[in-house]
N, C-alpha and C. Protein backbone atom coordinates (compact mmCIF):
# COMPACT_ATOMS: atom_id res chain seq x y z
N UNK A 1 10.84 33.09 -17.34
CA UNK A 1 12.00 33.47 -16.64
C UNK A 1 13.31 33.17 -17.89
N UNK A 2 14.22 33.96 -17.71
CA UNK A 2 15.08 33.88 -18.73
C UNK A 2 16.46 33.99 -18.30
N UNK A 3 17.32 32.88 -18.51
CA UNK A 3 18.84 32.94 -18.34
C UNK A 3 19.59 34.06 -18.94
N UNK A 4 20.26 34.77 -18.32
CA UNK A 4 21.20 35.64 -18.97
C UNK A 4 22.42 35.26 -19.39
N UNK A 5 22.53 34.27 -20.45
CA UNK A 5 23.68 33.78 -20.86
C UNK A 5 23.73 34.07 -22.27
N UNK A 6 23.03 35.10 -23.03
CA UNK A 6 23.38 35.25 -24.60
C UNK A 6 22.07 35.36 -24.88
N UNK A 7 22.27 35.55 -26.53
CA UNK A 7 20.95 36.09 -27.17
C UNK A 7 20.09 37.26 -26.73
N UNK A 8 18.91 37.34 -27.10
CA UNK A 8 18.15 38.55 -26.89
C UNK A 8 18.21 38.89 -25.65
N UNK A 9 18.06 37.98 -24.57
CA UNK A 9 18.14 38.38 -22.98
C UNK A 9 19.20 39.04 -22.61
N UNK A 10 20.38 38.90 -23.19
CA UNK A 10 21.52 39.51 -22.74
C UNK A 10 21.94 40.54 -23.74
N UNK A 11 21.05 41.12 -24.84
CA UNK A 11 21.17 42.07 -25.61
C UNK A 11 22.16 41.95 -26.95
N UNK A 12 22.18 40.68 -27.32
CA UNK A 12 23.04 40.47 -28.27
C UNK A 12 22.32 41.34 -29.78
N UNK A 13 23.50 41.69 -30.74
CA UNK A 13 23.31 42.38 -31.67
C UNK A 13 23.25 44.05 -31.16
N UNK A 14 23.15 44.53 -30.09
CA UNK A 14 23.17 45.85 -29.64
C UNK A 14 24.40 46.65 -30.13
N UNK A 15 25.07 46.31 -31.07
CA UNK A 15 26.07 47.28 -31.49
C UNK A 15 27.19 47.58 -30.53
N UNK A 16 27.46 48.60 -29.99
CA UNK A 16 28.32 49.06 -28.95
C UNK A 16 28.16 48.43 -27.68
N UNK A 17 26.99 47.84 -27.27
CA UNK A 17 26.68 47.32 -26.09
C UNK A 17 27.63 45.86 -25.46
N UNK A 18 28.43 45.40 -26.56
CA UNK A 18 29.25 44.44 -26.42
C UNK A 18 29.82 44.16 -24.70
N UNK A 19 30.42 45.22 -24.56
CA UNK A 19 30.96 45.38 -23.17
C UNK A 19 29.68 45.38 -22.03
N UNK A 20 28.79 45.75 -22.22
CA UNK A 20 27.53 45.72 -21.04
C UNK A 20 27.26 44.33 -21.23
N UNK A 21 27.03 43.72 -22.57
CA UNK A 21 26.56 42.36 -22.52
C UNK A 21 27.46 41.29 -22.04
N UNK A 22 28.68 41.47 -21.92
CA UNK A 22 29.83 40.67 -21.74
C UNK A 22 29.73 40.53 -20.00
N UNK A 23 29.51 42.05 -19.51
CA UNK A 23 29.47 41.92 -18.03
C UNK A 23 28.13 41.53 -17.72
N UNK A 24 27.00 41.60 -18.16
CA UNK A 24 25.72 40.83 -17.83
C UNK A 24 25.95 39.60 -17.91
N UNK A 25 26.56 39.02 -18.73
CA UNK A 25 26.73 37.39 -18.84
C UNK A 25 27.68 36.90 -17.91
N UNK A 26 28.85 37.85 -17.23
CA UNK A 26 29.35 37.35 -16.34
C UNK A 26 28.78 37.69 -14.79
N UNK A 27 27.83 37.88 -14.80
CA UNK A 27 26.89 38.31 -13.45
C UNK A 27 27.51 39.63 -13.15
N UNK A 28 28.45 40.48 -13.59
CA UNK A 28 28.71 41.69 -13.17
C UNK A 28 27.94 42.77 -13.31
N UNK A 29 27.18 42.69 -14.52
CA UNK A 29 26.26 43.59 -14.47
C UNK A 29 24.92 43.88 -14.02
N UNK A 30 24.59 42.58 -13.43
CA UNK A 30 23.27 42.24 -12.88
C UNK A 30 23.35 41.65 -11.29
N UNK A 31 24.65 42.38 -10.58
CA UNK A 31 24.50 41.99 -9.22
C UNK A 31 25.30 40.86 -8.79
N UNK A 32 26.47 40.43 -9.69
CA UNK A 32 27.08 39.35 -9.19
C UNK A 32 26.38 37.88 -9.43
N UNK A 33 25.50 37.70 -8.46
CA UNK A 33 24.63 36.50 -8.15
C UNK A 33 23.63 36.55 -8.97
N UNK A 34 22.99 37.42 -9.31
CA UNK A 34 21.68 37.45 -9.95
C UNK A 34 21.93 37.01 -11.11
N UNK A 35 21.92 35.79 -11.84
CA UNK A 35 22.15 35.55 -12.82
C UNK A 35 20.88 35.20 -14.01
N UNK A 36 19.82 35.40 -13.26
CA UNK A 36 18.64 35.01 -14.02
C UNK A 36 17.69 36.16 -14.17
N UNK A 37 17.02 36.29 -15.04
CA UNK A 37 15.56 37.38 -15.22
C UNK A 37 14.14 37.02 -15.06
N UNK A 38 13.55 37.27 -14.51
CA UNK A 38 11.89 36.76 -14.21
C UNK A 38 11.36 38.07 -14.65
N UNK A 39 10.36 37.59 -15.66
CA UNK A 39 9.42 38.73 -16.28
C UNK A 39 8.08 38.98 -15.42
N UNK A 40 7.85 40.16 -15.13
CA UNK A 40 6.56 40.17 -14.47
C UNK A 40 5.86 41.67 -14.86
N UNK A 41 5.12 41.81 -14.28
CA UNK A 41 4.22 42.90 -14.70
C UNK A 41 4.81 44.04 -14.20
N UNK A 42 4.78 45.30 -14.44
CA UNK A 42 5.43 46.55 -13.97
C UNK A 42 4.42 47.03 -12.77
N UNK A 43 4.81 46.34 -11.66
CA UNK A 43 3.63 46.64 -10.79
C UNK A 43 3.72 48.37 -10.17
N UNK A 44 4.96 48.75 -10.30
CA UNK A 44 5.23 50.01 -9.67
C UNK A 44 4.42 51.06 -10.65
N UNK A 45 3.66 50.88 -11.75
CA UNK A 45 3.02 51.65 -12.31
C UNK A 45 1.32 51.39 -12.41
N UNK A 46 0.82 52.48 -12.78
CA UNK A 46 -0.70 52.14 -12.76
C UNK A 46 -1.08 51.17 -13.84
N UNK A 47 -2.46 50.26 -13.54
CA UNK A 47 -2.54 49.35 -14.21
C UNK A 47 -2.66 49.51 -15.79
N UNK A 48 -3.03 50.71 -16.27
CA UNK A 48 -2.99 51.52 -17.48
C UNK A 48 -1.60 51.23 -18.12
N UNK A 49 -0.54 50.88 -17.30
CA UNK A 49 0.54 50.78 -17.98
C UNK A 49 1.24 49.36 -18.18
N UNK A 50 0.31 48.45 -18.04
CA UNK A 50 0.75 46.95 -18.45
C UNK A 50 0.66 46.69 -19.94
N UNK A 51 -0.05 47.36 -20.62
CA UNK A 51 -0.11 46.94 -22.11
C UNK A 51 -0.57 48.21 -22.84
N UNK A 52 -0.63 48.12 -24.20
CA UNK A 52 -0.81 49.60 -24.93
C UNK A 52 -1.09 48.90 -26.42
N UNK A 53 -1.98 49.44 -26.75
CA UNK A 53 -2.77 49.23 -28.43
C UNK A 53 -1.95 50.47 -29.25
N UNK A 54 -1.33 49.87 -30.19
CA UNK A 54 -0.56 50.83 -30.86
C UNK A 54 -1.12 51.11 -32.23
N UNK A 55 -1.02 52.27 -32.88
CA UNK A 55 -1.95 52.89 -33.92
C UNK A 55 -2.21 51.75 -35.15
N UNK A 56 -1.33 51.02 -35.17
CA UNK A 56 -1.53 50.12 -36.22
C UNK A 56 -2.34 48.62 -35.79
N UNK A 57 -2.87 48.76 -34.42
CA UNK A 57 -3.68 47.68 -33.97
C UNK A 57 -2.80 46.47 -33.12
N UNK A 58 -1.53 46.76 -33.40
CA UNK A 58 -1.00 45.82 -32.58
C UNK A 58 -0.99 46.11 -31.23
N UNK A 59 -1.29 44.99 -30.35
CA UNK A 59 -1.64 45.03 -28.60
C UNK A 59 0.01 44.73 -28.31
N UNK A 60 0.70 45.54 -27.37
CA UNK A 60 1.76 45.06 -26.53
C UNK A 60 1.88 45.10 -24.97
N UNK A 61 2.03 43.98 -24.87
CA UNK A 61 2.16 43.81 -23.23
C UNK A 61 3.88 44.22 -22.82
N UNK A 62 3.66 45.00 -22.10
CA UNK A 62 4.99 45.43 -21.23
C UNK A 62 4.99 44.58 -20.08
N UNK A 63 6.58 44.30 -19.83
CA UNK A 63 7.04 43.42 -18.62
C UNK A 63 8.45 43.86 -18.20
N UNK A 64 8.35 44.02 -16.66
CA UNK A 64 9.49 44.28 -15.91
C UNK A 64 10.38 43.22 -15.89
N UNK A 65 11.54 43.15 -16.43
CA UNK A 65 12.60 42.01 -16.13
C UNK A 65 13.45 42.35 -14.90
N UNK A 66 13.09 41.46 -14.02
CA UNK A 66 13.67 41.58 -12.64
C UNK A 66 14.77 40.65 -12.38
N UNK A 67 15.96 41.10 -11.94
CA UNK A 67 17.11 40.13 -11.93
C UNK A 67 17.06 39.30 -10.75
N UNK A 68 17.13 37.95 -10.45
CA UNK A 68 16.70 36.90 -9.44
C UNK A 68 18.10 36.05 -9.51
N UNK A 69 18.10 35.46 -8.33
CA UNK A 69 19.42 34.58 -8.06
C UNK A 69 18.95 33.10 -8.48
N UNK A 70 19.98 32.37 -9.00
CA UNK A 70 19.64 31.21 -9.35
C UNK A 70 18.77 30.08 -8.30
N UNK A 71 18.75 30.40 -7.00
CA UNK A 71 17.79 29.51 -6.08
C UNK A 71 16.48 30.00 -6.39
N UNK A 72 16.36 31.37 -6.62
CA UNK A 72 14.91 31.85 -6.93
C UNK A 72 14.35 31.22 -8.30
N UNK A 73 15.25 31.38 -9.19
CA UNK A 73 14.99 30.45 -10.37
C UNK A 73 14.55 29.14 -10.71
N UNK A 74 15.35 28.59 -9.46
CA UNK A 74 15.07 27.18 -9.38
C UNK A 74 13.82 26.96 -8.75
N UNK A 75 13.26 27.74 -7.75
CA UNK A 75 11.88 27.86 -7.14
C UNK A 75 10.99 28.08 -7.89
N UNK A 76 11.09 28.95 -8.94
CA UNK A 76 10.02 29.20 -10.04
C UNK A 76 9.98 27.90 -10.75
N UNK A 77 10.81 27.39 -11.25
CA UNK A 77 10.82 26.28 -11.89
C UNK A 77 9.73 25.05 -11.37
N UNK A 78 10.22 24.78 -9.84
CA UNK A 78 9.73 23.90 -9.18
C UNK A 78 8.34 24.02 -8.89
N UNK A 79 8.03 25.28 -8.30
CA UNK A 79 7.04 25.64 -7.60
C UNK A 79 5.84 26.71 -8.77
N UNK A 80 6.52 27.15 -9.64
CA UNK A 80 5.62 27.97 -10.36
C UNK A 80 5.71 29.38 -10.09
N UNK A 81 5.05 30.34 -10.78
CA UNK A 81 5.29 31.88 -10.76
C UNK A 81 4.48 32.25 -9.73
N UNK A 82 3.20 31.60 -9.65
CA UNK A 82 2.29 32.06 -8.67
C UNK A 82 2.71 32.05 -7.09
N UNK A 83 3.45 31.14 -6.87
CA UNK A 83 4.12 30.69 -5.72
C UNK A 83 5.31 31.70 -5.31
N UNK A 84 6.11 31.71 -6.52
CA UNK A 84 7.17 32.93 -6.33
C UNK A 84 6.68 34.49 -6.01
N UNK A 85 5.67 34.80 -6.93
CA UNK A 85 5.21 35.75 -6.46
C UNK A 85 4.42 36.25 -4.92
N UNK A 86 3.78 34.93 -4.48
CA UNK A 86 3.39 34.86 -3.54
C UNK A 86 4.53 35.45 -2.14
N UNK A 87 5.82 34.59 -2.55
CA UNK A 87 7.15 34.65 -1.71
C UNK A 87 7.74 36.14 -1.93
N UNK A 88 7.60 36.77 -3.15
CA UNK A 88 7.96 38.25 -3.04
C UNK A 88 7.01 39.14 -2.55
N UNK A 89 5.71 38.80 -2.13
CA UNK A 89 4.83 39.83 -1.54
C UNK A 89 4.99 39.56 -0.08
N UNK A 90 5.34 38.01 0.48
CA UNK A 90 5.78 38.05 1.94
C UNK A 90 7.04 38.68 2.19
N UNK A 91 8.20 38.39 1.45
CA UNK A 91 9.27 38.85 2.04
C UNK A 91 9.72 40.11 1.76
N UNK A 92 9.00 40.90 0.55
CA UNK A 92 9.32 42.24 0.21
C UNK A 92 10.75 42.32 -0.17
N UNK A 93 11.40 41.90 -1.09
CA UNK A 93 13.02 41.95 -0.87
C UNK A 93 12.99 43.61 -2.11
N UNK A 94 13.98 44.05 -1.79
CA UNK A 94 14.40 45.39 -2.29
C UNK A 94 14.83 44.93 -3.97
N UNK A 95 13.98 44.90 -4.80
CA UNK A 95 14.51 44.23 -6.06
C UNK A 95 15.28 45.54 -6.92
N UNK A 96 15.41 46.64 -6.37
CA UNK A 96 16.32 47.61 -6.97
C UNK A 96 17.81 47.14 -6.41
N UNK A 97 17.81 46.63 -5.40
CA UNK A 97 19.13 46.22 -4.78
C UNK A 97 19.84 45.19 -5.75
N UNK A 98 20.72 45.66 -6.51
CA UNK A 98 21.46 44.34 -7.43
C UNK A 98 22.48 43.78 -6.51
N UNK A 99 22.58 44.08 -5.13
CA UNK A 99 23.51 43.25 -4.29
C UNK A 99 22.36 42.74 -3.08
N UNK A 100 21.23 42.62 -3.44
CA UNK A 100 20.53 41.76 -2.45
C UNK A 100 20.62 40.43 -2.19
N UNK A 101 20.36 39.78 -1.07
CA UNK A 101 20.75 38.36 -0.56
C UNK A 101 19.58 37.52 -1.37
N UNK A 102 19.47 36.40 -1.86
CA UNK A 102 18.74 35.88 -2.21
C UNK A 102 17.27 35.74 -0.87
N UNK A 103 16.19 35.51 -1.60
CA UNK A 103 15.15 35.11 -0.67
C UNK A 103 15.03 33.78 -0.04
N UNK A 104 14.82 33.52 1.09
CA UNK A 104 14.56 32.35 1.84
C UNK A 104 13.53 31.76 1.39
N UNK A 105 13.78 30.56 0.67
CA UNK A 105 12.87 29.89 0.09
C UNK A 105 12.76 28.34 0.33
């Protein structure tokens, strides 16, 4: 879990992306109250998409950075990611909706 407050998580050093970075840091770029990012497996793709071996032998795991609410981030901190992912499965929020309400946790 990463808080979108700066550094690599918010795209620091991306050149002309400073206005995008500032919008994300203020919450405007990730739905206002979606202030944290949750790293998850890219479940909308086939299992073969989870990782790749590059020609130089480097193994790369791909993750999906899911914007989440502060209350959801607190839930992950207190209960762990397996419990959070169970709630995602139960409640099935639209993770593509940047205006979605927080899950009931």
